[in-house]
């Protein structure tokens, strides 16, 4: 999964298990399942990202999925967008300790970047329902780029509720992809929305 980047992924897992848990960014119950529920889960999303893409992770929290994507795919340029200082402080420290030169941390709400920046891919995990997430994310996707939203089992209901917001943001639902069904349970569900 991580091949040559495995030592960096292991160092990040340690940061999550210790520092992020102490700071309340990861719940203590999540520590035993960091690999399958968080690291592998997030790494799989990079299979949907084109080579050398610019990626924006909205509401990055402790760096999931953005830091994992940057670790697995050093060809990506990843921007972590997070409004809370305690989270951006952790992210800045993690980026420095892991020596990730392809990562930028931005302390802001997604809306603050509207009209300022666009990316090839915008992604997020466990941030908000898809209707709100589409309003925050689609303005940051360049024309022809994609919005990849990691979602749970209620993805179809969320898609139905978000139809108007997706259309208003010039998004077209391409497909819902399930990744990793052979080796993680539950598999990762990703809604792929293309910006028209």
Protein backbone atom coordinates (compact mmCIF):
# COMPACT_ATOMS: atom_id res chain seq x y z
CA UNK A 1 0.00 0.00 0.00
CA UNK A 2 2.62 2.58 1.04
CA UNK A 3 5.70 0.71 -0.35
CA UNK A 4 8.75 3.01 -0.02
CA UNK A 5 6.72 5.50 2.04
CA UNK A 6 5.89 2.92 4.74
CA UNK A 7 8.39 4.31 7.31
CA UNK A 8 6.81 7.77 6.94
CA UNK A 9 3.31 6.30 7.26
CA UNK A 10 4.42 4.45 10.41
CA UNK A 11 5.84 7.67 11.87
CA UNK A 12 2.54 9.43 11.12
CA UNK A 13 0.62 6.57 12.77
CA UNK A 14 2.72 7.11 15.90
CA UNK A 15 1.97 10.84 15.84
CA UNK A 16 -1.75 10.05 15.60
CA UNK A 17 -1.62 7.44 18.37
CA UNK A 18 0.30 9.68 20.77
CA UNK A 19 0.24 13.43 20.02
CA UNK A 20 -3.13 13.59 18.22
CA UNK A 21 -4.78 11.50 20.93
CA UNK A 22 -3.37 13.63 23.74
CA UNK A 23 -4.61 16.76 21.95
CA UNK A 24 -8.08 15.29 21.43
CA UNK A 25 -7.81 15.09 17.64
CA UNK A 26 -8.19 11.31 17.60
CA UNK A 27 -10.30 9.41 20.10
CA UNK A 28 -8.42 6.82 22.22
CA UNK A 29 -10.75 4.08 20.91
CA UNK A 30 -9.49 4.77 17.39
CA UNK A 31 -5.86 3.95 18.18
CA UNK A 32 -6.14 0.14 17.80
CA UNK A 33 -7.74 0.58 14.38
CA UNK A 34 -5.64 3.44 13.02
CA UNK A 35 -4.33 1.43 10.10
CA UNK A 36 -7.49 -0.09 8.62
CA UNK A 37 -10.01 2.59 9.57
CA UNK A 38 -7.86 5.65 8.92
CA UNK A 39 -4.52 5.19 7.14
CA UNK A 40 -5.37 2.47 4.60
CA UNK A 41 -8.87 3.92 4.23
CA UNK A 42 -7.46 7.33 3.25
CA UNK A 43 -4.59 5.96 1.18
CA UNK A 44 -7.03 4.15 -1.11
CA UNK A 45 -8.53 7.46 -2.21
CA UNK A 46 -5.27 8.32 -3.97
CA UNK A 47 -6.14 5.64 -6.54
CA UNK A 48 -8.70 8.15 -7.89
CA UNK A 49 -6.25 11.07 -8.12
CA UNK A 50 -4.36 11.79 -11.36
CA UNK A 51 -0.56 12.07 -11.45
CA UNK A 52 1.03 15.31 -10.21
CA UNK A 53 -2.35 16.76 -9.18
CA UNK A 54 -2.92 19.64 -6.79
CA UNK A 55 -5.14 18.41 -3.94
CA UNK A 56 -7.04 20.40 -1.33
CA UNK A 57 -8.23 18.59 1.82
CA UNK A 58 -11.15 20.50 3.39
CA UNK A 59 -11.48 20.28 7.18
CA UNK A 60 -8.29 18.28 7.46
CA UNK A 61 -8.45 17.80 11.23
CA UNK A 62 -5.53 15.54 12.14
CA UNK A 63 -4.58 15.21 8.46
CA UNK A 64 -7.07 12.64 7.25
CA UNK A 65 -7.12 12.11 4.32
CA UNK A 66 -4.69 14.86 3.17
CA UNK A 67 -1.51 13.87 4.99
CA UNK A 68 -2.00 10.20 4.13
CA UNK A 69 -2.46 11.11 0.47
CA UNK A 70 0.72 13.21 0.53
CA UNK A 71 2.66 10.36 2.15
CA UNK A 72 1.48 7.70 -0.28
CA UNK A 73 1.77 9.95 -3.35
CA UNK A 74 4.76 12.33 -3.21
CA UNK A 75 3.88 13.46 -6.76
CA UNK A 76 0.83 15.29 -5.34
CA UNK A 77 0.85 18.85 -4.02
CA UNK A 78 -1.48 18.81 -1.01
CA UNK A 79 -3.05 21.79 0.75
CA UNK A 80 -4.61 21.08 4.14
CA UNK A 81 -7.39 23.56 4.96
CA UNK A 82 -8.43 23.64 8.61
CA UNK A 83 -9.90 26.57 10.58
CA UNK A 84 -8.98 25.52 14.14
CA UNK A 85 -5.60 26.60 15.55
CA UNK A 86 -4.99 23.50 17.70
CA UNK A 87 -5.45 21.34 14.60
CA UNK A 88 -3.29 23.48 12.31
CA UNK A 89 -0.58 23.51 14.99
CA UNK A 90 -0.59 19.70 14.99
CA UNK A 91 -0.58 19.62 11.18
CA UNK A 92 2.36 22.07 10.96
CA UNK A 93 4.33 19.95 13.43
CA UNK A 94 3.47 16.71 11.62
CA UNK A 95 4.49 18.13 8.23
CA UNK A 96 7.82 19.28 9.71
CA UNK A 97 8.53 16.03 11.57
CA UNK A 98 7.62 13.86 8.57
CA UNK A 99 9.58 16.17 6.22
CA UNK A 100 6.70 16.41 3.75
CA UNK A 101 7.79 19.01 1.24
CA UNK A 102 4.62 18.52 -0.85
CA UNK A 103 2.24 19.77 1.88
CA UNK A 104 0.97 23.25 2.76
CA UNK A 105 -1.17 23.95 5.84
CA UNK A 106 -3.70 26.80 5.57
CA UNK A 107 -5.62 27.96 8.64
CA UNK A 108 -8.95 29.05 7.14
CA UNK A 109 -12.46 28.00 6.33
CA UNK A 110 -12.91 26.65 2.82
CA UNK A 111 -15.12 29.61 1.90
CA UNK A 112 -12.23 32.00 2.56
CA UNK A 113 -10.40 30.49 -0.42
CA UNK A 114 -13.34 30.85 -2.84
CA UNK A 115 -12.29 33.03 -5.75
CA UNK A 116 -8.66 32.91 -4.57
CA UNK A 117 -7.50 29.38 -5.42
CA UNK A 118 -8.54 26.30 -7.35
CA UNK A 119 -7.24 22.72 -7.31
CA UNK A 120 -7.30 19.65 -9.55
CA UNK A 121 -8.91 17.64 -6.74
CA UNK A 122 -10.75 18.67 -3.57
CA UNK A 123 -11.38 16.00 -0.95
CA UNK A 124 -12.76 15.61 2.55
CA UNK A 125 -13.65 13.02 5.13
CA UNK A 126 -16.29 13.19 7.88
CA UNK A 127 -16.68 16.97 7.62
CA UNK A 128 -20.33 17.69 6.81
CA UNK A 129 -23.34 16.41 4.87
CA UNK A 130 -22.81 16.38 1.10
CA UNK A 131 -25.06 19.39 0.41
CA UNK A 132 -23.01 21.73 2.61
CA UNK A 133 -19.76 20.06 1.60
CA UNK A 134 -20.57 20.68 -2.07
CA UNK A 135 -21.14 24.39 -1.41
CA UNK A 136 -17.76 24.63 0.33
CA UNK A 137 -15.78 22.40 -2.03
CA UNK A 138 -16.98 22.82 -5.62
CA UNK A 139 -15.89 26.51 -5.87
CA UNK A 140 -12.34 25.28 -5.15
CA UNK A 141 -12.31 22.68 -7.95
CA UNK A 142 -10.88 23.87 -11.26
CA UNK A 143 -12.96 23.26 -14.39
CA UNK A 144 -12.48 19.62 -15.38
CA UNK A 145 -11.24 18.71 -11.89
CA UNK A 146 -12.94 16.49 -9.33
CA UNK A 147 -14.42 16.62 -5.86
CA UNK A 148 -13.88 13.34 -3.98
CA UNK A 149 -16.03 13.04 -0.87
CA UNK A 150 -15.41 10.09 1.45
CA UNK A 151 -18.82 9.01 2.71
CA UNK A 152 -20.46 6.28 4.75
CA UNK A 153 -23.32 3.90 4.10
CA UNK A 154 -25.91 6.71 3.82
CA UNK A 155 -24.23 8.05 0.66
CA UNK A 156 -27.28 7.59 -1.59
CA UNK A 157 -29.55 9.59 0.74
CA UNK A 158 -26.90 12.33 0.97
CA UNK A 159 -26.62 12.44 -2.82
CA UNK A 160 -30.38 12.90 -3.16
CA UNK A 161 -30.36 15.77 -0.65
CA UNK A 162 -27.39 17.43 -2.35
CA UNK A 163 -28.60 17.36 -5.97
CA UNK A 164 -29.40 21.10 -6.15
CA UNK A 165 -26.19 22.18 -4.42
CA UNK A 166 -24.08 19.98 -6.70
CA UNK A 167 -25.78 21.40 -9.82
CA UNK A 168 -25.49 24.97 -8.52
CA UNK A 169 -21.74 24.44 -8.12
CA UNK A 170 -21.45 23.17 -11.72
CA UNK A 171 -20.83 19.65 -10.45
CA UNK A 172 -21.82 16.45 -12.20
CA UNK A 173 -21.97 13.25 -10.16
CA UNK A 174 -19.71 10.83 -12.00
CA UNK A 175 -20.07 7.80 -9.73
CA UNK A 176 -19.88 6.36 -6.24
CA UNK A 177 -16.80 4.17 -5.95
CA UNK A 178 -16.14 1.45 -3.38
CA UNK A 179 -12.45 0.86 -2.67
CA UNK A 180 -10.70 -1.82 -0.62
CA UNK A 181 -13.63 -4.23 -0.25
CA UNK A 182 -11.17 -7.15 -0.46
CA UNK A 183 -9.20 -6.17 2.62
CA UNK A 184 -11.02 -3.61 4.80
CA UNK A 185 -14.50 -3.65 6.27
CA UNK A 186 -16.33 -1.47 5.63
CA UNK A 187 -14.84 -0.50 2.28
CA UNK A 188 -14.20 3.14 1.44
CA UNK A 189 -17.07 4.86 -0.36
CA UNK A 190 -16.12 7.88 -2.41
CA UNK A 191 -18.49 10.15 -4.30
CA UNK A 192 -16.71 11.45 -7.41
CA UNK A 193 -18.15 14.74 -8.66
CA UNK A 194 -16.65 16.35 -11.75
CA UNK A 195 -16.62 20.13 -12.13
CA UNK A 196 -18.15 21.19 -15.44
